[in-house]
Amino acid sequence: MTVQTIRDQLNRPMRDLRISVTDRCNFRCSYCMPKEIFGDDYAFLPKSELLSFEEIERLANIFAKLGVKKIRLTGGEPLMRRNIDELIKRLYVIDGIEDIGLTTNGVLLNVYGERLKDAGLKRINISLDALDPKLFGEINGRGISSNLILERIQFAKELGFRVKINMVVQKGLNEHQIVPMAKYCKENGLELRFIEFMDVGNDNAWSFKKVITKKEIIQLLSKEFNIDEVEKDYFGEVAKRYQYNDTETQVGFITSVSESFCSSCTRARLSSDGKLYTCLFAGNGVDLRSLVRSELSDEELEQTIIDVWEKRQDRYSDERTEETAKKYKKINMSYIGG
């Protein structure tokens, strides 16, 4: 297969594709889908408005021809998409795709774990924002204990998955869980990713005052551990990684707020309703679903994607202020994934 490298207005290539396979989730985390807004009567997308597995496969093939090497499946909660393992099988045989990951809250891993492994999946990121069972239940809005997620993490490790833990940190909520979480992950050989609280979507009441920065987290960790920064593996790697001196285990930071990585962002995003977004904080996307369901050829779809990427000049995190964060209308995380 001949790969065409395309670059945007800031000379950034397209290397990663995030695919949200559903807007549904069994959690109601305050920073993503607060239960006050996403209540029991919330109208999620009907199946007909989701991209089918065949449509996702077709688009993924085109993205691969344009330089995408890595795919991550997200949601909502991706394991709420029935037979998600069948999609993974389809994606793994696409020429040029070198790596597939999946981000999950872990609740349904007991149902899908073995099927995901059999489909070829090797890497899973599991979200866990607190070790404290009561606090975690409050954060996820469903009263689900962290003990259940810890069981799922162990199950995933036993199946042979490479497991990373994602922890969104908010001042006044769970910063006291930073060190306990780091200790747990270090002792269990799990790579932990601390994620700065971001202004994704419009419903999470974000402000700078709620952000715990990478610098602040490192100050806390340095009282307990000796850690050294690790060099990036490739252009476009988002996490800033450190390694504990006495183990092979690493800890990473997603620093969208305090240390923007817009200049090296290589990610395209396909929302659960089939729109192409070129930034996590975008307000508008290009409707690929309608184009896929029209009479357009693969070549015409490819040209549409090229045109979108080559016009791209997103650098939201470079330009963010408290005022722009409040006023700028953005796609909700449940549609676009994290």
C-alpha atoms as a PDB file:
ATOM      1  CA  MET A   1       0.000   0.000   0.000  1.00  0.00           C
ATOM      2  CA  THR A   2       1.254   3.442  -0.915  1.00  0.00           C
ATOM      3  CA  VAL A   3       0.974   5.852   2.008  1.00  0.00           C
ATOM      4  CA  GLN A   4       0.471   9.546   1.340  1.00  0.00           C
ATOM      5  CA  THR A   5       1.804  11.779   4.096  1.00  0.00           C
ATOM      6  CA  ILE A   6      -0.414  14.794   4.552  1.00  0.00           C
ATOM      7  CA  ARG A   7       0.377  17.783   6.738  1.00  0.00           C
ATOM      8  CA  ASP A   8      -1.686  20.574   8.192  1.00  0.00           C
ATOM      9  CA  GLN A   9      -1.035  24.326   8.233  1.00  0.00           C
ATOM     10  CA  LEU A  10       1.432  23.888  11.098  1.00  0.00           C
ATOM     11  CA  ASN A  11       3.279  21.027   9.341  1.00  0.00           C
ATOM     12  CA  ARG A  12       1.794  18.354  11.612  1.00  0.00           C
ATOM     13  CA  PRO A  13       1.280  14.932   9.985  1.00  0.00           C
ATOM     14  CA  MET A  14      -1.763  12.756  10.660  1.00  0.00           C
ATOM     15  CA  ARG A  15      -0.633   9.646  12.541  1.00  0.00           C
ATOM     16  CA  ASP A  16      -3.354   8.806  15.088  1.00  0.00           C
ATOM     17  CA  LEU A  17      -7.078   8.198  14.766  1.00  0.00           C
ATOM     18  CA  ARG A  18      -9.422   8.159  17.756  1.00  0.00           C
ATOM     19  CA  ILE A  19     -12.769   6.528  17.061  1.00  0.00           C
ATOM     20  CA  SER A  20     -15.711   7.013  19.427  1.00  0.00           C
ATOM     21  CA  VAL A  21     -17.898   3.960  18.848  1.00  0.00           C
ATOM     22  CA  THR A  22     -20.809   5.018  21.097  1.00  0.00           C
ATOM     23  CA  ASP A  23     -22.042   8.035  23.023  1.00  0.00           C
ATOM     24  CA  ARG A  24     -23.479   5.836  25.784  1.00  0.00           C
ATOM     25  CA  CYS A  25     -21.787   5.196  29.116  1.00  0.00           C
ATOM     26  CA  ASN A  26     -22.639   3.352  32.325  1.00  0.00           C
ATOM     27  CA  PHE A  27     -20.846   6.038  34.394  1.00  0.00           C
ATOM     28  CA  ARG A  28     -21.869   9.651  35.003  1.00  0.00           C
ATOM     29  CA  CYS A  29     -18.519  11.236  35.814  1.00  0.00           C
ATOM     30  CA  SER A  30     -18.829  14.928  36.630  1.00  0.00           C
ATOM     31  CA  TYR A  31     -16.055  15.962  34.201  1.00  0.00           C
ATOM     32  CA  CYS A  32     -17.614  14.156  31.246  1.00  0.00           C
ATOM     33  CA  MET A  33     -21.297  13.189  31.583  1.00  0.00           C
ATOM     34  CA  PRO A  34     -22.683  14.755  34.792  1.00  0.00           C
ATOM     35  CA  LYS A  35     -25.877  12.988  35.843  1.00  0.00           C
ATOM     36  CA  GLU A  36     -27.672  16.311  36.274  1.00  0.00           C
ATOM     37  CA  ILE A  37     -27.527  16.686  32.483  1.00  0.00           C
ATOM     38  CA  PHE A  38     -27.247  13.085  31.274  1.00  0.00           C
ATOM     39  CA  GLY A  39     -30.219  11.794  33.254  1.00  0.00           C
ATOM     40  CA  ASP A  40     -32.218   8.572  32.853  1.00  0.00           C
ATOM     41  CA  ASP A  41     -34.321  10.201  30.138  1.00  0.00           C
ATOM     42  CA  TYR A  42     -31.352  11.525  28.137  1.00  0.00           C
ATOM     43  CA  ALA A  43     -31.748  10.835  24.401  1.00  0.00           C
ATOM     44  CA  PHE A  44     -28.667   9.020  23.176  1.00  0.00           C
ATOM     45  CA  LEU A  45     -28.008   8.416  19.500  1.00  0.00           C
ATOM     46  CA  PRO A  46     -30.151   5.732  17.873  1.00  0.00           C
ATOM     47  CA  LYS A  47     -28.226   2.867  16.281  1.00  0.00           C
ATOM     48  CA  SER A  48     -28.929   4.213  12.792  1.00  0.00           C
ATOM     49  CA  GLU A  49     -26.931   7.357  13.559  1.00  0.00           C
ATOM     50  CA  LEU A  50     -23.846   5.452  14.678  1.00  0.00           C
ATOM     51  CA  LEU A  51     -21.287   4.395  12.118  1.00  0.00           C
ATOM     52  CA  SER A  52     -21.588   0.674  11.413  1.00  0.00           C
ATOM     53  CA  PHE A  53     -18.517  -1.532  11.765  1.00  0.00           C
ATOM     54  CA  GLU A  54     -18.357  -1.759   7.969  1.00  0.00           C
ATOM     55  CA  GLU A  55     -18.365   2.034   7.684  1.00  0.00           C
ATOM     56  CA  ILE A  56     -15.689   2.431  10.360  1.00  0.00           C
ATOM     57  CA  GLU A  57     -13.552  -0.184   8.611  1.00  0.00           C
ATOM     58  CA  ARG A  58     -13.904   1.602   5.284  1.00  0.00           C
ATOM     59  CA  LEU A  59     -12.897   4.942   6.765  1.00  0.00           C
ATOM     60  CA  ALA A  60     -10.024   3.414   8.741  1.00  0.00           C
ATOM     61  CA  ASN A  61      -8.623   1.971   5.508  1.00  0.00           C
ATOM     62  CA  ILE A  62      -8.662   5.450   3.970  1.00  0.00           C
ATOM     63  CA  PHE A  63      -7.067   7.039   7.034  1.00  0.00           C
ATOM     64  CA  ALA A  64      -4.329   4.394   6.937  1.00  0.00           C
ATOM     65  CA  LYS A  65      -3.517   5.399   3.347  1.00  0.00           C
ATOM     66  CA  LEU A  66      -3.068   8.957   4.598  1.00  0.00           C
ATOM     67  CA  GLY A  67      -0.532   8.045   7.263  1.00  0.00           C
ATOM     68  CA  VAL A  68      -2.526   6.890  10.300  1.00  0.00           C
ATOM     69  CA  LYS A  69      -0.637   4.146  12.142  1.00  0.00           C
ATOM     70  CA  LYS A  70      -2.408   4.048  15.503  1.00  0.00           C
ATOM     71  CA  ILE A  71      -6.089   3.709  16.361  1.00  0.00           C
ATOM     72  CA  ARG A  72      -7.722   4.101  19.757  1.00  0.00           C
ATOM     73  CA  LEU A  73     -11.320   3.096  20.403  1.00  0.00           C
ATOM     74  CA  THR A  74     -13.218   5.283  22.842  1.00  0.00           C
ATOM     75  CA  GLY A  75     -16.773   6.321  23.726  1.00  0.00           C
ATOM     76  CA  GLY A  76     -18.753   7.023  25.822  1.00  0.00           C
ATOM     77  CA  GLU A  77     -17.871   3.594  27.124  1.00  0.00           C
ATOM     78  CA  PRO A  78     -16.728   1.529  24.105  1.00  0.00           C
ATOM     79  CA  LEU A  79     -17.625  -1.806  25.716  1.00  0.00           C
ATOM     80  CA  MET A  80     -21.258  -0.739  25.575  1.00  0.00           C
ATOM     81  CA  ARG A  81     -21.050  -1.107  21.794  1.00  0.00           C
ATOM     82  CA  ARG A  82     -22.258  -4.653  21.172  1.00  0.00           C
ATOM     83  CA  ASN A  83     -19.699  -7.050  19.673  1.00  0.00           C
ATOM     84  CA  ILE A  84     -16.913  -4.474  19.794  1.00  0.00           C
ATOM     85  CA  ASP A  85     -14.427  -7.332  19.419  1.00  0.00           C
ATOM     86  CA  GLU A  86     -15.681  -7.860  15.855  1.00  0.00           C
ATOM     87  CA  LEU A  87     -14.633  -4.304  14.986  1.00  0.00           C
ATOM     88  CA  ILE A  88     -11.186  -4.879  16.467  1.00  0.00           C
ATOM     89  CA  LYS A  89     -10.723  -7.944  14.263  1.00  0.00           C
ATOM     90  CA  ARG A  90     -11.598  -5.861  11.207  1.00  0.00           C
ATOM     91  CA  LEU A  91      -9.206  -3.048  12.135  1.00  0.00           C
ATOM     92  CA  TYR A  92      -6.258  -5.327  12.865  1.00  0.00           C
ATOM     93  CA  VAL A  93      -6.049  -6.587   9.297  1.00  0.00           C
ATOM     94  CA  ILE A  94      -5.847  -3.096   7.772  1.00  0.00           C
ATOM     95  CA  ASP A  95      -2.542  -2.534   6.037  1.00  0.00           C
ATOM     96  CA  GLY A  96      -0.544   0.197   7.780  1.00  0.00           C
ATOM     97  CA  ILE A  97      -2.264   0.039  11.178  1.00  0.00           C
ATOM     98  CA  GLU A  98       0.468  -0.853  13.646  1.00  0.00           C
ATOM     99  CA  ASP A  99      -1.280  -0.433  16.975  1.00  0.00           C
ATOM    100  CA  ILE A 100      -4.797  -0.455  18.422  1.00  0.00           C
ATOM    101  CA  GLY A 101      -5.735   0.621  21.940  1.00  0.00           C
ATOM    102  CA  LEU A 102      -8.986   0.915  23.862  1.00  0.00           C
ATOM    103  CA  THR A 103      -9.973   3.216  26.722  1.00  0.00           C
ATOM    104  CA  THR A 104     -12.585   1.851  29.137  1.00  0.00           C
ATOM    105  CA  ASN A 105     -13.919   2.311  32.651  1.00  0.00           C
ATOM    106  CA  GLY A 106     -13.405  -1.431  33.051  1.00  0.00           C
ATOM    107  CA  VAL A 107     -16.834  -2.419  34.337  1.00  0.00           C
ATOM    108  CA  LEU A 108     -17.617  -4.726  31.404  1.00  0.00           C
ATOM    109  CA  LEU A 109     -14.178  -6.286  31.072  1.00  0.00           C
ATOM    110  CA  ASN A 110     -15.472  -9.449  32.713  1.00  0.00           C
ATOM    111  CA  VAL A 111     -17.836  -9.790  29.724  1.00  0.00           C
ATOM    112  CA  TYR A 112     -15.516  -8.710  26.914  1.00  0.00           C
ATOM    113  CA  GLY A 113     -11.977  -9.291  28.205  1.00  0.00           C
ATOM    114  CA  GLU A 114     -11.316 -12.687  26.642  1.00  0.00           C
ATOM    115  CA  ARG A 115     -13.079 -11.739  23.421  1.00  0.00           C
ATOM    116  CA  LEU A 116     -10.979  -8.584  23.110  1.00  0.00           C
ATOM    117  CA  LYS A 117      -7.799 -10.591  23.642  1.00  0.00           C
ATOM    118  CA  ASP A 118      -8.845 -13.183  21.073  1.00  0.00           C
ATOM    119  CA  ALA A 119      -9.578 -10.371  18.615  1.00  0.00           C
ATOM    120  CA  GLY A 120      -5.951  -9.252  18.893  1.00  0.00           C
ATOM    121  CA  LEU A 121      -6.177  -6.315  21.297  1.00  0.00           C
ATOM    122  CA  LYS A 122      -3.011  -5.887  23.359  1.00  0.00           C
ATOM    123  CA  ARG A 123      -3.380  -2.554  25.168  1.00  0.00           C
ATOM    124  CA  ILE A 124      -6.103  -1.189  27.436  1.00  0.00           C
ATOM    125  CA  ASN A 125      -6.340   2.080  29.321  1.00  0.00           C
ATOM    126  CA  ILE A 126      -8.625   1.832  32.362  1.00  0.00           C
ATOM    127  CA  SER A 127     -10.007   4.964  34.006  1.00  0.00           C
ATOM    128  CA  LEU A 128      -9.754   5.101  37.799  1.00  0.00           C
ATOM    129  CA  ASP A 129      -9.911   8.497  39.505  1.00  0.00           C
ATOM    130  CA  ALA A 130      -9.633   7.373  43.137  1.00  0.00           C
ATOM    131  CA  LEU A 131      -8.693   4.324  45.185  1.00  0.00           C
ATOM    132  CA  ASP A 132     -11.098   5.331  47.939  1.00  0.00           C
ATOM    133  CA  PRO A 133     -14.301   3.329  47.231  1.00  0.00           C
ATOM    134  CA  LYS A 134     -16.738   5.966  48.508  1.00  0.00           C
ATOM    135  CA  LEU A 135     -15.071   8.856  46.711  1.00  0.00           C
ATOM    136  CA  PHE A 136     -14.811   6.894  43.491  1.00  0.00           C
ATOM    137  CA  GLY A 137     -18.502   6.052  43.691  1.00  0.00           C
ATOM    138  CA  GLU A 138     -19.287   9.745  44.022  1.00  0.00           C
ATOM    139  CA  ILE A 139     -17.036  10.672  41.093  1.00  0.00           C
ATOM    140  CA  ASN A 140     -18.543   8.088  38.734  1.00  0.00           C
ATOM    141  CA  GLY A 141     -22.049   9.127  39.708  1.00  0.00           C
ATOM    142  CA  ARG A 142     -23.241   5.526  39.980  1.00  0.00           C
ATOM    143  CA  GLY A 143     -21.896   4.479  43.353  1.00  0.00           C
ATOM    144  CA  ILE A 144     -19.638   1.888  41.735  1.00  0.00           C
ATOM    145  CA  SER A 145     -16.767   0.974  44.066  1.00  0.00           C
ATOM    146  CA  SER A 146     -13.119   1.236  43.090  1.00  0.00           C
ATOM    147  CA  ASN A 147     -12.770  -2.344  44.375  1.00  0.00           C
ATOM    148  CA  LEU A 148     -14.715  -3.568  41.349  1.00  0.00           C
ATOM    149  CA  ILE A 149     -12.411  -1.722  38.964  1.00  0.00           C
ATOM    150  CA  LEU A 150      -9.326  -3.042  40.775  1.00  0.00           C
ATOM    151  CA  GLU A 151     -10.675  -6.565  40.236  1.00  0.00           C
ATOM    152  CA  ARG A 152     -11.128  -5.811  36.528  1.00  0.00           C
ATOM    153  CA  ILE A 153      -7.591  -4.428  36.316  1.00  0.00           C
ATOM    154  CA  GLN A 154      -6.207  -7.626  37.801  1.00  0.00           C
ATOM    155  CA  PHE A 155      -8.346  -9.687  35.424  1.00  0.00           C
ATOM    156  CA  ALA A 156      -7.012  -7.734  32.436  1.00  0.00           C
ATOM    157  CA  LYS A 157      -3.427  -8.267  33.592  1.00  0.00           C
ATOM    158  CA  GLU A 158      -4.035 -11.999  33.974  1.00  0.00           C
ATOM    159  CA  LEU A 159      -5.359 -12.118  30.418  1.00  0.00           C
ATOM    160  CA  GLY A 160      -2.062 -10.633  29.254  1.00  0.00           C
ATOM    161  CA  PHE A 161      -3.103  -7.087  28.411  1.00  0.00           C
ATOM    162  CA  ARG A 162      -0.701  -4.206  28.814  1.00  0.00           C
ATOM    163  CA  VAL A 163      -2.717  -2.031  31.199  1.00  0.00           C
ATOM    164  CA  LYS A 164      -2.403   1.691  31.818  1.00  0.00           C
ATOM    165  CA  ILE A 165      -4.456   3.596  34.384  1.00  0.00           C
ATOM    166  CA  ASN A 166      -5.923   7.012  33.622  1.00  0.00           C
ATOM    167  CA  MET A 167      -6.598   9.351  36.539  1.00  0.00           C
ATOM    168  CA  VAL A 168      -8.224  12.748  35.985  1.00  0.00           C
ATOM    169  CA  VAL A 169      -7.137  14.980  38.866  1.00  0.00           C
ATOM    170  CA  GLN A 170      -9.247  17.865  40.174  1.00  0.00           C
ATOM    171  CA  LYS A 171      -8.358  20.282  42.950  1.00  0.00           C
ATOM    172  CA  GLY A 172     -10.715  19.967  45.896  1.00  0.00           C
ATOM    173  CA  LEU A 173     -11.918  16.548  44.780  1.00  0.00           C
ATOM    174  CA  ASN A 174      -9.280  13.841  44.535  1.00  0.00           C
ATOM    175  CA  GLU A 175      -5.796  15.363  44.808  1.00  0.00           C
ATOM    176  CA  HIS A 176      -5.321  13.484  48.098  1.00  0.00           C
ATOM    177  CA  GLN A 177      -5.534  10.282  46.040  1.00  0.00           C
ATOM    178  CA  ILE A 178      -2.481  11.130  43.916  1.00  0.00           C
ATOM    179  CA  VAL A 179       0.158   9.490  46.115  1.00  0.00           C
ATOM    180  CA  PRO A 180      -1.947   6.435  47.082  1.00  0.00           C
ATOM    181  CA  MET A 181      -2.720   5.830  43.408  1.00  0.00           C
ATOM    182  CA  ALA A 182       0.947   6.167  42.490  1.00  0.00           C
ATOM    183  CA  LYS A 183       1.944   3.691  45.212  1.00  0.00           C
ATOM    184  CA  TYR A 184      -0.677   1.177  44.115  1.00  0.00           C
ATOM    185  CA  CYS A 185       0.314   1.359  40.448  1.00  0.00           C
ATOM    186  CA  LYS A 186       4.040   1.204  41.207  1.00  0.00           C
ATOM    187  CA  GLU A 187       3.588  -1.861  43.426  1.00  0.00           C
ATOM    188  CA  ASN A 188       1.494  -3.578  40.766  1.00  0.00           C
ATOM    189  CA  GLY A 189       3.619  -2.683  37.751  1.00  0.00           C
ATOM    190  CA  LEU A 190       0.956  -0.458  36.200  1.00  0.00           C
ATOM    191  CA  GLU A 191       1.743   2.673  34.215  1.00  0.00           C
ATOM    192  CA  LEU A 192      -0.312   5.531  35.664  1.00  0.00           C
ATOM    193  CA  ARG A 193      -1.361   8.549  33.617  1.00  0.00           C
ATOM    194  CA  PHE A 194      -2.256  11.681  35.533  1.00  0.00           C
ATOM    195  CA  ILE A 195      -4.577  13.801  33.377  1.00  0.00           C
ATOM    196  CA  GLU A 196      -4.989  17.482  34.071  1.00  0.00           C
ATOM    197  CA  PHE A 197      -8.653  18.461  34.373  1.00  0.00           C
ATOM    198  CA  MET A 198      -9.578  19.842  30.942  1.00  0.00           C
ATOM    199  CA  ASP A 199     -12.386  22.002  29.589  1.00  0.00           C
ATOM    200  CA  VAL A 200     -13.715  19.344  27.219  1.00  0.00           C
ATOM    201  CA  GLY A 201     -17.335  19.854  26.220  1.00  0.00           C
ATOM    202  CA  ASN A 202     -19.663  22.354  27.851  1.00  0.00           C
ATOM    203  CA  ASP A 203     -21.013  20.687  30.977  1.00  0.00           C
ATOM    204  CA  ASN A 204     -18.186  20.052  33.447  1.00  0.00           C
ATOM    205  CA  ALA A 205     -17.949  23.502  35.129  1.00  0.00           C
ATOM    206  CA  TRP A 206     -14.247  23.742  34.296  1.00  0.00           C
ATOM    207  CA  SER A 207     -12.009  26.505  35.614  1.00  0.00           C
ATOM    208  CA  PHE A 208      -8.277  26.996  36.103  1.00  0.00           C
ATOM    209  CA  LYS A 209      -8.898  26.918  39.845  1.00  0.00           C
ATOM    210  CA  LYS A 210      -9.768  23.210  39.630  1.00  0.00           C
ATOM    211  CA  VAL A 211      -6.607  22.239  37.750  1.00  0.00           C
ATOM    212  CA  ILE A 212      -3.772  20.366  39.475  1.00  0.00           C
ATOM    213  CA  THR A 213      -0.792  20.799  37.185  1.00  0.00           C
ATOM    214  CA  LYS A 214       1.942  18.345  36.331  1.00  0.00           C
ATOM    215  CA  LYS A 215       4.399  20.509  38.310  1.00  0.00           C
ATOM    216  CA  GLU A 216       2.224  20.270  41.422  1.00  0.00           C
ATOM    217  CA  ILE A 217       1.766  16.517  41.052  1.00  0.00           C
ATOM    218  CA  ILE A 218       5.508  15.955  40.642  1.00  0.00           C
ATOM    219  CA  GLN A 219       6.123  17.973  43.816  1.00  0.00           C
ATOM    220  CA  LEU A 220       3.811  15.579  45.682  1.00  0.00           C
ATOM    221  CA  LEU A 221       5.357  12.475  44.122  1.00  0.00           C
ATOM    222  CA  SER A 222       8.921  13.637  44.794  1.00  0.00           C
ATOM    223  CA  LYS A 223       8.272  13.475  48.528  1.00  0.00           C
ATOM    224  CA  GLU A 224       7.681   9.728  48.209  1.00  0.00           C
ATOM    225  CA  PHE A 225       9.572   8.567  45.111  1.00  0.00           C
ATOM    226  CA  ASN A 226      12.641   9.236  43.001  1.00  0.00           C
ATOM    227  CA  ILE A 227      11.602   9.678  39.378  1.00  0.00           C
ATOM    228  CA  ASP A 228      13.496  10.682  36.229  1.00  0.00           C
ATOM    229  CA  GLU A 229      12.088  11.966  32.954  1.00  0.00           C
ATOM    230  CA  VAL A 230      12.072   9.574  30.001  1.00  0.00           C
ATOM    231  CA  GLU A 231      12.660  10.689  26.421  1.00  0.00           C
ATOM    232  CA  LYS A 232       9.728  10.624  24.036  1.00  0.00           C
ATOM    233  CA  ASP A 233       9.457   7.570  21.790  1.00  0.00           C
ATOM    234  CA  TYR A 234       8.073   9.396  18.744  1.00  0.00           C
ATOM    235  CA  PHE A 235       6.849  12.725  17.400  1.00  0.00           C
ATOM    236  CA  GLY A 236       3.312  13.317  18.565  1.00  0.00           C
ATOM    237  CA  GLU A 237       3.582  11.327  21.796  1.00  0.00           C
ATOM    238  CA  VAL A 238       1.241  13.111  24.180  1.00  0.00           C
ATOM    239  CA  ALA A 239       2.287  11.840  27.604  1.00  0.00           C
ATOM    240  CA  LYS A 240       5.317  13.253  29.377  1.00  0.00           C
ATOM    241  CA  ARG A 241       6.756  10.121  30.970  1.00  0.00           C
ATOM    242  CA  TYR A 242       8.903   9.534  34.052  1.00  0.00           C
ATOM    243  CA  GLN A 243      10.344   6.340  35.517  1.00  0.00           C
ATOM    244  CA  TYR A 244      10.736   5.308  39.132  1.00  0.00           C
ATOM    245  CA  ASN A 245      14.441   4.802  39.870  1.00  0.00           C
ATOM    246  CA  ASP A 246      14.026   1.418  41.523  1.00  0.00           C
ATOM    247  CA  THR A 247      11.637  -0.226  39.021  1.00  0.00           C
ATOM    248  CA  GLU A 248      10.858  -0.456  35.309  1.00  0.00           C
ATOM    249  CA  THR A 249       7.454   1.107  35.965  1.00  0.00           C
ATOM    250  CA  GLN A 250       6.672   4.525  34.553  1.00  0.00           C
ATOM    251  CA  VAL A 251       4.256   7.329  35.359  1.00  0.00           C
ATOM    252  CA  GLY A 252       2.989   9.784  32.767  1.00  0.00           C
ATOM    253  CA  PHE A 253       1.281  13.167  32.584  1.00  0.00           C
ATOM    254  CA  ILE A 254      -1.238  14.546  30.106  1.00  0.00           C
ATOM    255  CA  THR A 255      -0.616  18.279  30.377  1.00  0.00           C
ATOM    256  CA  SER A 256      -3.110  19.895  28.035  1.00  0.00           C
ATOM    257  CA  VAL A 257      -3.588  22.843  30.388  1.00  0.00           C
ATOM    258  CA  SER A 258      -0.176  23.627  31.897  1.00  0.00           C
ATOM    259  CA  GLU A 259       2.162  22.450  29.112  1.00  0.00           C
ATOM    260  CA  SER A 260       0.290  22.428  25.819  1.00  0.00           C
ATOM    261  CA  PHE A 261       1.339  19.890  23.171  1.00  0.00           C
ATOM    262  CA  CYS A 262      -0.592  21.412  20.262  1.00  0.00           C
ATOM    263  CA  SER A 263       2.582  21.875  18.208  1.00  0.00           C
ATOM    264  CA  SER A 264       3.051  18.111  17.900  1.00  0.00           C
ATOM    265  CA  CYS A 265      -0.573  16.931  17.821  1.00  0.00           C
ATOM    266  CA  THR A 266      -1.067  14.288  15.122  1.00  0.00           C
ATOM    267  CA  ARG A 267      -4.596  13.158  16.090  1.00  0.00           C
ATOM    268  CA  ALA A 268      -7.737  13.037  14.015  1.00  0.00           C
ATOM    269  CA  ARG A 269     -10.997  12.167  15.758  1.00  0.00           C
ATOM    270  CA  LEU A 270     -14.073  10.368  14.482  1.00  0.00           C
ATOM    271  CA  SER A 271     -17.100  11.018  16.679  1.00  0.00           C
ATOM    272  CA  SER A 272     -19.782   8.466  17.496  1.00  0.00           C
ATOM    273  CA  ASP A 273     -22.122  10.117  14.968  1.00  0.00           C
ATOM    274  CA  GLY A 274     -19.524   9.961  12.209  1.00  0.00           C
ATOM    275  CA  LYS A 275     -18.087  13.470  12.182  1.00  0.00           C
ATOM    276  CA  LEU A 276     -14.399  14.185  11.641  1.00  0.00           C
ATOM    277  CA  TYR A 277     -12.850  16.552  14.193  1.00  0.00           C
ATOM    278  CA  THR A 278      -9.285  17.809  14.141  1.00  0.00           C
ATOM    279  CA  CYS A 279      -9.130  18.812  17.823  1.00  0.00           C
ATOM    280  CA  LEU A 280     -10.470  17.484  21.118  1.00  0.00           C
ATOM    281  CA  PHE A 281     -11.816  20.972  21.816  1.00  0.00           C
ATOM    282  CA  ALA A 282     -13.402  21.515  18.393  1.00  0.00           C
ATOM    283  CA  GLY A 283     -16.859  22.954  18.011  1.00  0.00           C
ATOM    284  CA  ASN A 284     -17.580  21.768  14.475  1.00  0.00           C
ATOM    285  CA  GLY A 285     -16.817  18.622  12.519  1.00  0.00           C
ATOM    286  CA  VAL A 286     -17.177  17.370   8.959  1.00  0.00           C
ATOM    287  CA  ASP A 287     -20.003  14.864   8.471  1.00  0.00           C
ATOM    288  CA  LEU A 288     -18.293  11.777   7.049  1.00  0.00           C
ATOM    289  CA  ARG A 289     -21.261   9.538   7.865  1.00  0.00           C
ATOM    290  CA  SER A 290     -23.453  11.208   5.266  1.00  0.00           C
ATOM    291  CA  LEU A 291     -20.645  11.041   2.717  1.00  0.00           C
ATOM    292  CA  VAL A 292     -20.007   7.361   3.414  1.00  0.00           C
ATOM    293  CA  ARG A 293     -23.704   6.648   2.933  1.00  0.00           C
ATOM    294  CA  SER A 294     -23.832   8.587  -0.323  1.00  0.00           C
ATOM    295  CA  GLU A 295     -22.462   7.491  -3.690  1.00  0.00           C
ATOM    296  CA  LEU A 296     -18.986   8.881  -3.042  1.00  0.00           C
ATOM    297  CA  SER A 297     -16.042   6.684  -3.983  1.00  0.00           C
ATOM    298  CA  ASP A 298     -13.138   5.928  -1.646  1.00  0.00           C
ATOM    299  CA  GLU A 299     -11.040   8.359  -3.665  1.00  0.00           C
ATOM    300  CA  GLU A 300     -13.560  11.142  -3.127  1.00  0.00           C
ATOM    301  CA  LEU A 301     -13.771  10.385   0.606  1.00  0.00           C
ATOM    302  CA  GLU A 302      -9.992  10.407   0.766  1.00  0.00           C
ATOM    303  CA  GLN A 303      -9.843  13.821  -0.889  1.00  0.00           C
ATOM    304  CA  THR A 304     -12.387  15.183   1.588  1.00  0.00           C
ATOM    305  CA  ILE A 305     -10.229  14.043   4.520  1.00  0.00           C
ATOM    306  CA  ILE A 306      -7.102  15.480   2.871  1.00  0.00           C
ATOM    307  CA  ASP A 307      -8.822  18.842   2.404  1.00  0.00           C
ATOM    308  CA  VAL A 308      -9.896  18.932   6.055  1.00  0.00           C
ATOM    309  CA  TRP A 309      -6.457  18.051   7.406  1.00  0.00           C
ATOM    310  CA  GLU A 310      -4.493  20.342   5.111  1.00  0.00           C
ATOM    311  CA  LYS A 311      -6.618  23.299   6.256  1.00  0.00           C
ATOM    312  CA  ARG A 312      -6.183  22.381   9.940  1.00  0.00           C
ATOM    313  CA  GLN A 313      -4.615  25.004  12.194  1.00  0.00           C
ATOM    314  CA  ASP A 314      -6.071  24.055  15.606  1.00  0.00           C
ATOM    315  CA  ARG A 315      -4.045  25.069  18.645  1.00  0.00           C
ATOM    316  CA  TYR A 316      -6.754  25.526  21.258  1.00  0.00           C
ATOM    317  CA  SER A 317      -4.660  24.644  24.312  1.00  0.00           C
ATOM    318  CA  ASP A 318      -2.001  27.162  23.278  1.00  0.00           C
ATOM    319  CA  GLU A 319      -4.617  29.890  23.188  1.00  0.00           C
ATOM    320  CA  ARG A 320      -6.930  28.883  26.071  1.00  0.00           C
ATOM    321  CA  THR A 321      -7.956  31.481  28.621  1.00  0.00           C
ATOM    322  CA  GLU A 322     -10.591  31.329  31.337  1.00  0.00           C
ATOM    323  CA  GLU A 323     -12.823  33.488  29.154  1.00  0.00           C
ATOM    324  CA  THR A 324     -12.443  31.466  25.940  1.00  0.00           C
ATOM    325  CA  ALA A 325     -13.028  28.242  27.852  1.00  0.00           C
ATOM    326  CA  LYS A 326     -16.376  29.555  29.063  1.00  0.00           C
ATOM    327  CA  LYS A 327     -17.536  31.033  25.755  1.00  0.00           C
ATOM    328  CA  TYR A 328     -16.249  28.518  23.215  1.00  0.00           C
ATOM    329  CA  LYS A 329     -18.888  25.914  22.299  1.00  0.00           C
ATOM    330  CA  LYS A 330     -17.263  22.484  22.054  1.00  0.00           C
ATOM    331  CA  ILE A 331     -18.322  18.947  21.175  1.00  0.00           C
ATOM    332  CA  ASN A 332     -19.106  16.927  24.325  1.00  0.00           C
ATOM    333  CA  MET A 333     -16.584  14.293  25.363  1.00  0.00           C
ATOM    334  CA  SER A 334     -19.190  11.540  25.232  1.00  0.00           C
ATOM    335  CA  TYR A 335     -19.321  11.974  21.449  1.00  0.00           C
ATOM    336  CA  ILE A 336     -15.640  12.467  20.744  1.00  0.00           C
ATOM    337  CA  GLY A 337     -13.809  10.435  23.389  1.00  0.00           C
ATOM    338  CA  GLY A 338     -10.971  11.680  25.620  1.00  0.00           C
END
